[in-house]
């Protein structure tokens, strides 16, 4: 082969090699650009629970992750609370994925991820934070409850009890509290997990207060576990100095101990709950005379009630 043909062949091969290299380089640039552009945009990332408080979830609640993706991104791979879930289209480019919380899920903030992977298996983008700062916390633990008082037995006047819970509570149903031989009043929410109240004995003898199941709920809606029963012994007659005559037919004289000092309501109540006498007066260790001449014969409870105390004793009217 002459030198001209040899040189021509070499030149052709060099041109072909340059063309191939140019094509490969251009293709690499194009692929790189495609990957860069395919990193895409994910917006409006939001996570909520179907709980009444959407920032919390309890056992069985559904947690939903929603987001919008740009058109150049492939179908996302989603995990919620460590579980792979299949996203669904809500509308054009808008996705939603949900998970129902189970007893094997970990309590605390519910983590998620949205990953975009291309056909080659390369990860293009991973999202694991919301764009509106929304978070959902998983709580499946029921709060414990307790009731206690520094006042010991016997009690002869109203006293304070403290009702506590192991965590912050969002609801508290006073009507569910179980009370025997006493009344509850003046509830005061001292902290988000501590409430105080005044217990007023009704009769002499044992009184009790208990916080039963489902009196309160925590922020996730979990109902409380019942408390132990608080018991005290009420002795109310110690506030009276003298009561005479007893039985009485016309006038009943009542003398209080000096410690009794307030405006109070004095009443006579029959054992079937009928009030036959009631009067408000100021007490300063005074002697009070009650006209019982018009009161039917029988046994009655003599009550003395004020904002600070309530006590009673038994009297008899006989004509």
Protein backbone atom coordinates (compact mmCIF):
# COMPACT_ATOMS: atom_id res chain seq x y z
CA UNK A 1 0.00 0.00 0.00
CA UNK A 2 1.41 3.36 -0.95
CA UNK A 3 2.08 6.03 1.59
CA UNK A 4 -0.87 8.18 0.45
CA UNK A 5 -3.42 5.45 1.19
CA UNK A 6 -1.82 4.74 4.54
CA UNK A 7 -1.99 8.38 5.53
CA UNK A 8 -5.61 8.63 4.33
CA UNK A 9 -6.63 5.60 6.38
CA UNK A 10 -4.98 6.95 9.51
CA UNK A 11 -6.66 10.29 9.04
CA UNK A 12 -10.06 8.65 8.65
CA UNK A 13 -9.51 6.66 11.83
CA UNK A 14 -8.45 9.75 13.74
CA UNK A 15 -11.54 11.62 12.56
CA UNK A 16 -13.75 8.65 13.55
CA UNK A 17 -12.11 8.42 16.99
CA UNK A 18 -12.60 12.12 17.57
CA UNK A 19 -16.25 11.81 16.55
CA UNK A 20 -16.81 8.90 18.94
CA UNK A 21 -15.07 10.73 21.80
CA UNK A 22 -17.13 13.83 21.10
CA UNK A 23 -20.33 11.77 21.11
CA UNK A 24 -19.41 10.00 24.35
CA UNK A 25 -18.45 13.26 26.02
CA UNK A 26 -21.63 14.94 24.82
CA UNK A 27 -23.68 11.99 26.01
CA UNK A 28 -21.99 12.13 29.43
CA UNK A 29 -22.71 15.82 29.66
CA UNK A 30 -26.32 15.20 28.65
CA UNK A 31 -26.72 12.44 31.23
CA UNK A 32 -25.14 14.63 33.88
CA UNK A 33 -27.47 17.45 32.95
CA UNK A 34 -30.41 15.07 32.97
CA UNK A 35 -29.51 13.87 36.47
CA UNK A 36 -29.03 17.42 37.63
CA UNK A 37 -32.32 18.59 36.19
CA UNK A 38 -34.05 15.43 37.42
CA UNK A 39 -33.16 16.29 41.00
CA UNK A 40 -36.45 18.13 40.68
CA UNK A 41 -38.44 20.13 43.17
CA UNK A 42 -40.58 18.77 46.02
CA UNK A 43 -42.87 21.27 47.74
CA UNK A 44 -45.80 21.50 50.15
CA UNK A 45 -44.51 18.61 52.27
CA UNK A 46 -46.94 18.11 55.16
CA UNK A 47 -47.62 15.39 57.74
CA UNK A 48 -50.78 15.12 59.88
CA UNK A 49 -52.74 12.60 61.92
CA UNK A 50 -56.48 11.97 61.81
CA UNK A 51 -56.41 12.44 65.60
CA UNK A 52 -58.46 15.35 66.99
CA UNK A 53 -55.06 16.87 67.74
CA UNK A 54 -53.43 16.48 64.33
CA UNK A 55 -49.92 16.82 65.82
CA UNK A 56 -50.39 13.62 67.85
CA UNK A 57 -51.29 10.05 67.03
CA UNK A 58 -52.40 7.23 69.29
CA UNK A 59 -52.73 3.51 68.58
CA UNK A 60 -54.90 2.97 65.48
CA UNK A 61 -54.68 6.55 64.21
CA UNK A 62 -53.81 7.16 60.55
CA UNK A 63 -50.83 9.37 59.73
CA UNK A 64 -50.82 10.93 56.25
CA UNK A 65 -47.88 12.45 54.38
CA UNK A 66 -48.66 14.71 51.41
CA UNK A 67 -46.38 16.53 48.97
CA UNK A 68 -46.12 17.95 45.46
CA UNK A 69 -43.36 16.92 43.02
CA UNK A 70 -42.14 18.52 39.82
CA UNK A 71 -42.93 16.73 36.55
CA UNK A 72 -39.35 15.58 35.88
CA UNK A 73 -39.27 13.26 38.92
CA UNK A 74 -40.11 9.55 38.81
CA UNK A 75 -42.57 7.86 41.17
CA UNK A 76 -41.32 8.40 44.74
CA UNK A 77 -40.46 5.73 47.31
CA UNK A 78 -42.04 6.62 50.67
CA UNK A 79 -41.52 5.39 54.23
CA UNK A 80 -43.53 6.44 57.31
CA UNK A 81 -42.45 5.32 60.79
CA UNK A 82 -39.97 2.99 59.10
CA UNK A 83 -42.61 1.27 56.94
CA UNK A 84 -42.62 1.32 53.13
CA UNK A 85 -45.94 2.71 51.93
CA UNK A 86 -47.26 3.18 48.42
CA UNK A 87 -48.01 6.80 47.52
CA UNK A 88 -51.15 7.59 45.56
CA UNK A 89 -52.06 10.49 43.28
CA UNK A 90 -54.35 13.06 44.83
CA UNK A 91 -54.23 15.33 41.82
CA UNK A 92 -51.69 16.24 39.14
CA UNK A 93 -48.20 15.83 40.67
CA UNK A 94 -49.68 15.78 44.18
CA UNK A 95 -49.08 12.62 46.24
CA UNK A 96 -50.35 11.26 49.54
CA UNK A 97 -49.22 8.25 51.57
CA UNK A 98 -50.66 6.93 54.84
CA UNK A 99 -49.79 4.55 57.67
CA UNK A 100 -51.99 3.26 60.51
CA UNK A 101 -50.06 3.26 63.79
CA UNK A 102 -49.55 -0.12 65.48
CA UNK A 103 -48.42 -1.29 68.91
CA UNK A 104 -45.00 -2.18 67.46
CA UNK A 105 -44.25 1.36 66.30
CA UNK A 106 -41.87 3.48 68.36
CA UNK A 107 -43.30 6.33 70.42
CA UNK A 108 -42.05 9.84 69.74
CA UNK A 109 -41.76 11.91 66.59
CA UNK A 110 -42.90 9.97 63.51
CA UNK A 111 -40.11 10.05 60.93
CA UNK A 112 -40.60 9.76 57.16
CA UNK A 113 -38.68 9.85 53.90
CA UNK A 114 -39.51 10.51 50.27
CA UNK A 115 -36.82 9.16 47.91
CA UNK A 116 -36.54 9.52 44.13
CA UNK A 117 -34.50 6.85 42.35
CA UNK A 118 -33.80 6.76 38.60
CA UNK A 119 -33.82 3.70 36.33
CA UNK A 120 -30.10 3.16 36.97
CA UNK A 121 -30.75 2.91 40.71
CA UNK A 122 -29.16 6.25 41.49
CA UNK A 123 -30.82 8.31 44.22
CA UNK A 124 -31.77 11.70 42.83
CA UNK A 125 -33.35 13.28 45.88
CA UNK A 126 -34.38 12.42 49.46
CA UNK A 127 -36.84 14.46 51.50
CA UNK A 128 -37.22 13.83 55.26
CA UNK A 129 -38.49 17.16 56.58
CA UNK A 130 -41.72 19.06 56.05
CA UNK A 131 -41.87 22.46 54.41
CA UNK A 132 -44.43 23.84 56.90
CA UNK A 133 -42.70 22.55 60.09
CA UNK A 134 -45.54 20.11 60.72
CA UNK A 135 -44.71 17.11 62.93
CA UNK A 136 -46.66 14.21 64.39
CA UNK A 137 -45.79 12.54 67.70
CA UNK A 138 -46.84 8.98 68.46
CA UNK A 139 -48.17 8.29 71.96
CA UNK A 140 -49.91 5.03 72.83
CA UNK A 141 -49.27 5.10 76.60
CA UNK A 142 -52.21 5.81 78.92
CA UNK A 143 -51.44 8.38 81.63
CA UNK A 144 -51.52 7.20 85.22
CA UNK A 145 -53.43 9.22 87.83
CA UNK A 146 -53.17 9.78 91.54
CA UNK A 147 -55.00 11.63 94.32
CA UNK A 148 -53.46 12.63 97.63
CA UNK A 149 -53.78 15.08 100.53
CA UNK A 150 -51.50 16.22 103.33
CA UNK A 151 -54.50 16.21 105.68
CA UNK A 152 -54.86 13.01 107.68
CA UNK A 153 -57.77 11.44 109.53
CA UNK A 154 -59.91 12.43 111.26
CA UNK A 155 -61.19 15.48 109.36
CA UNK A 156 -63.77 17.88 110.72
CA UNK A 157 -63.65 20.53 107.98
CA UNK A 158 -63.15 20.81 104.21
CA UNK A 159 -59.65 19.93 103.02
CA UNK A 160 -57.59 20.16 99.83
CA UNK A 161 -56.75 17.22 97.58
CA UNK A 162 -54.31 17.17 94.67
CA UNK A 163 -55.11 15.21 91.51
CA UNK A 164 -52.04 14.43 89.43
CA UNK A 165 -51.32 12.73 86.10
CA UNK A 166 -48.12 11.27 84.68
CA UNK A 167 -48.24 13.66 81.69
CA UNK A 168 -50.05 16.74 80.43
CA UNK A 169 -53.78 16.23 79.99
CA UNK A 170 -56.08 17.95 77.51
CA UNK A 171 -59.51 16.98 78.92
CA UNK A 172 -60.79 16.45 82.46
CA UNK A 173 -64.36 15.32 83.20
CA UNK A 174 -65.22 16.27 86.79
CA UNK A 175 -68.53 14.41 86.60
CA UNK A 176 -66.74 11.05 86.38
CA UNK A 177 -64.96 11.40 89.75
CA UNK A 178 -66.32 8.90 92.29
CA UNK A 179 -67.06 10.58 95.65
CA UNK A 180 -68.66 9.01 98.71
CA UNK A 181 -69.81 10.91 101.80
CA UNK A 182 -68.36 14.19 100.52
CA UNK A 183 -68.68 16.89 97.91
CA UNK A 184 -66.00 18.27 95.57
CA UNK A 185 -65.66 21.95 94.68
CA UNK A 186 -63.22 24.74 93.75
CA UNK A 187 -61.27 22.87 91.09
CA UNK A 188 -58.06 24.66 90.15
CA UNK A 189 -55.73 23.61 87.33
CA UNK A 190 -52.34 24.37 88.85
CA UNK A 191 -50.32 22.82 86.00
CA UNK A 192 -51.13 20.91 82.83
CA UNK A 193 -50.96 17.66 84.84
CA UNK A 194 -52.03 18.83 88.32
CA UNK A 195 -55.46 19.86 89.61
CA UNK A 196 -56.51 20.74 93.15
CA UNK A 197 -60.00 20.58 94.66
CA UNK A 198 -61.78 21.02 98.00
CA UNK A 199 -63.35 17.97 99.64
CA UNK A 200 -66.18 18.71 102.07
CA UNK A 201 -67.39 15.83 104.30
CA UNK A 202 -71.14 15.28 104.47
CA UNK A 203 -71.57 12.89 107.40
CA UNK A 204 -69.46 11.40 110.12
CA UNK A 205 -67.64 8.26 109.07
CA UNK A 206 -65.60 7.11 106.11
CA UNK A 207 -65.37 9.30 102.99
CA UNK A 208 -63.59 8.42 99.76
CA UNK A 209 -62.54 9.98 96.45
CA UNK A 210 -61.27 8.18 93.35
CA UNK A 211 -60.28 9.23 89.82
CA UNK A 212 -61.66 6.38 87.66
CA UNK A 213 -60.65 5.29 84.15
CA UNK A 214 -61.31 7.81 81.37
CA UNK A 215 -61.72 10.84 83.63
CA UNK A 216 -58.96 12.60 81.66
CA UNK A 217 -57.19 12.19 78.31
CA UNK A 218 -53.69 13.14 77.26
CA UNK A 219 -52.84 15.23 74.19
CA UNK A 220 -53.10 12.17 71.95
CA UNK A 221 -56.50 11.21 73.41
CA UNK A 222 -55.34 8.26 75.52
CA UNK A 223 -57.63 7.86 78.60
CA UNK A 224 -56.11 7.78 82.09
CA UNK A 225 -55.72 4.70 84.28
CA UNK A 226 -57.75 4.79 87.51
CA UNK A 227 -56.15 6.14 90.66
CA UNK A 228 -56.09 4.48 94.04
CA UNK A 229 -58.94 5.41 96.42
CA UNK A 230 -58.27 8.26 98.85
CA UNK A 231 -60.05 7.65 102.18
CA UNK A 232 -60.45 9.74 105.31
CA UNK A 233 -62.59 9.52 108.46
CA UNK A 234 -64.90 12.47 109.06
CA UNK A 235 -65.76 13.56 112.61
CA UNK A 236 -67.93 16.64 112.37
CA UNK A 237 -69.43 16.93 115.88
CA UNK A 238 -66.13 18.19 117.28
CA UNK A 239 -67.03 21.69 116.02
CA UNK A 240 -69.96 21.92 118.42
CA UNK A 241 -69.38 22.87 122.06
CA UNK A 242 -72.88 22.21 123.41
CA UNK A 243 -76.29 21.29 121.98
CA UNK A 244 -79.21 21.36 124.42
CA UNK A 245 -81.77 20.22 125.14
CA UNK A 246 -81.56 17.19 122.91
CA UNK A 247 -84.31 16.09 122.36
CA UNK A 248 -85.84 19.58 122.05
CA UNK A 249 -89.51 20.53 121.92
CA UNK A 250 -89.55 24.34 121.56
CA UNK A 251 -86.03 25.81 121.35
CA UNK A 252 -82.76 24.10 120.46
CA UNK A 253 -79.62 25.85 121.72
CA UNK A 254 -76.37 25.35 119.78
CA UNK A 255 -73.01 26.61 121.03
CA UNK A 256 -70.00 26.40 118.66
CA UNK A 257 -66.35 26.13 119.61
CA UNK A 258 -64.38 29.41 119.36
CA UNK A 259 -62.59 28.20 116.22
CA UNK A 260 -65.80 28.54 114.24
CA UNK A 261 -65.77 32.11 113.00
CA UNK A 262 -67.55 33.01 109.77
CA UNK A 263 -70.88 33.68 108.19
CA UNK A 264 -72.63 30.34 107.83
CA UNK A 265 -75.94 28.77 106.90
CA UNK A 266 -77.54 26.68 109.63
CA UNK A 267 -80.13 24.14 108.57
CA UNK A 268 -82.15 21.22 109.90
CA UNK A 269 -82.58 18.41 107.37
CA UNK A 270 -84.67 15.29 107.81
CA UNK A 271 -83.23 11.89 106.95
CA UNK A 272 -85.27 11.80 103.76
CA UNK A 273 -83.63 15.06 102.63
CA UNK A 274 -86.31 17.64 103.50
CA UNK A 275 -85.02 20.93 104.89
CA UNK A 276 -87.31 22.09 107.71
CA UNK A 277 -85.19 25.03 108.94
CA UNK A 278 -82.52 27.19 107.33
CA UNK A 279 -80.99 30.54 108.30
CA UNK A 280 -77.80 32.43 107.47
CA UNK A 281 -76.02 34.16 110.37
CA UNK A 282 -72.59 35.27 111.57
CA UNK A 283 -70.82 32.86 113.92
CA UNK A 284 -68.16 33.94 116.42
CA UNK A 285 -68.29 31.08 118.87
CA UNK A 286 -71.86 32.29 119.44
CA UNK A 287 -74.75 30.46 120.99
CA UNK A 288 -77.55 30.06 118.47
CA UNK A 289 -81.18 29.38 119.39
CA UNK A 290 -83.35 27.56 116.86
CA UNK A 291 -87.15 27.58 117.19
CA UNK A 292 -88.26 23.99 116.58
CA UNK A 293 -91.79 24.38 117.91
CA UNK A 294 -93.19 24.08 114.40
CA UNK A 295 -90.87 21.28 113.33
CA UNK A 296 -92.45 17.81 113.22
CA UNK A 297 -91.13 15.34 115.78
CA UNK A 298 -88.31 13.15 114.54
CA UNK A 299 -84.56 12.83 114.02
CA UNK A 300 -82.73 15.53 112.06
CA UNK A 301 -79.26 16.49 110.89
CA UNK A 302 -78.11 19.93 112.04
CA UNK A 303 -75.81 21.32 109.29
CA UNK A 304 -73.50 24.32 109.52
CA UNK A 305 -72.03 25.38 106.17
CA UNK A 306 -69.77 28.21 105.10
CA UNK A 307 -67.22 28.80 102.36
CA UNK A 308 -64.51 27.31 104.59
CA UNK A 309 -66.19 24.38 106.32
CA UNK A 310 -69.22 22.13 106.53
CA UNK A 311 -70.13 19.91 109.46
CA UNK A 312 -73.19 18.44 111.09
CA UNK A 313 -74.53 16.54 114.06
CA UNK A 314 -77.71 14.62 114.85
CA UNK A 315 -80.54 16.16 116.90
CA UNK A 316 -84.00 15.01 117.96
CA UNK A 317 -87.22 17.02 118.04
CA UNK A 318 -89.94 15.64 120.33
CA UNK A 319 -93.26 17.38 121.12
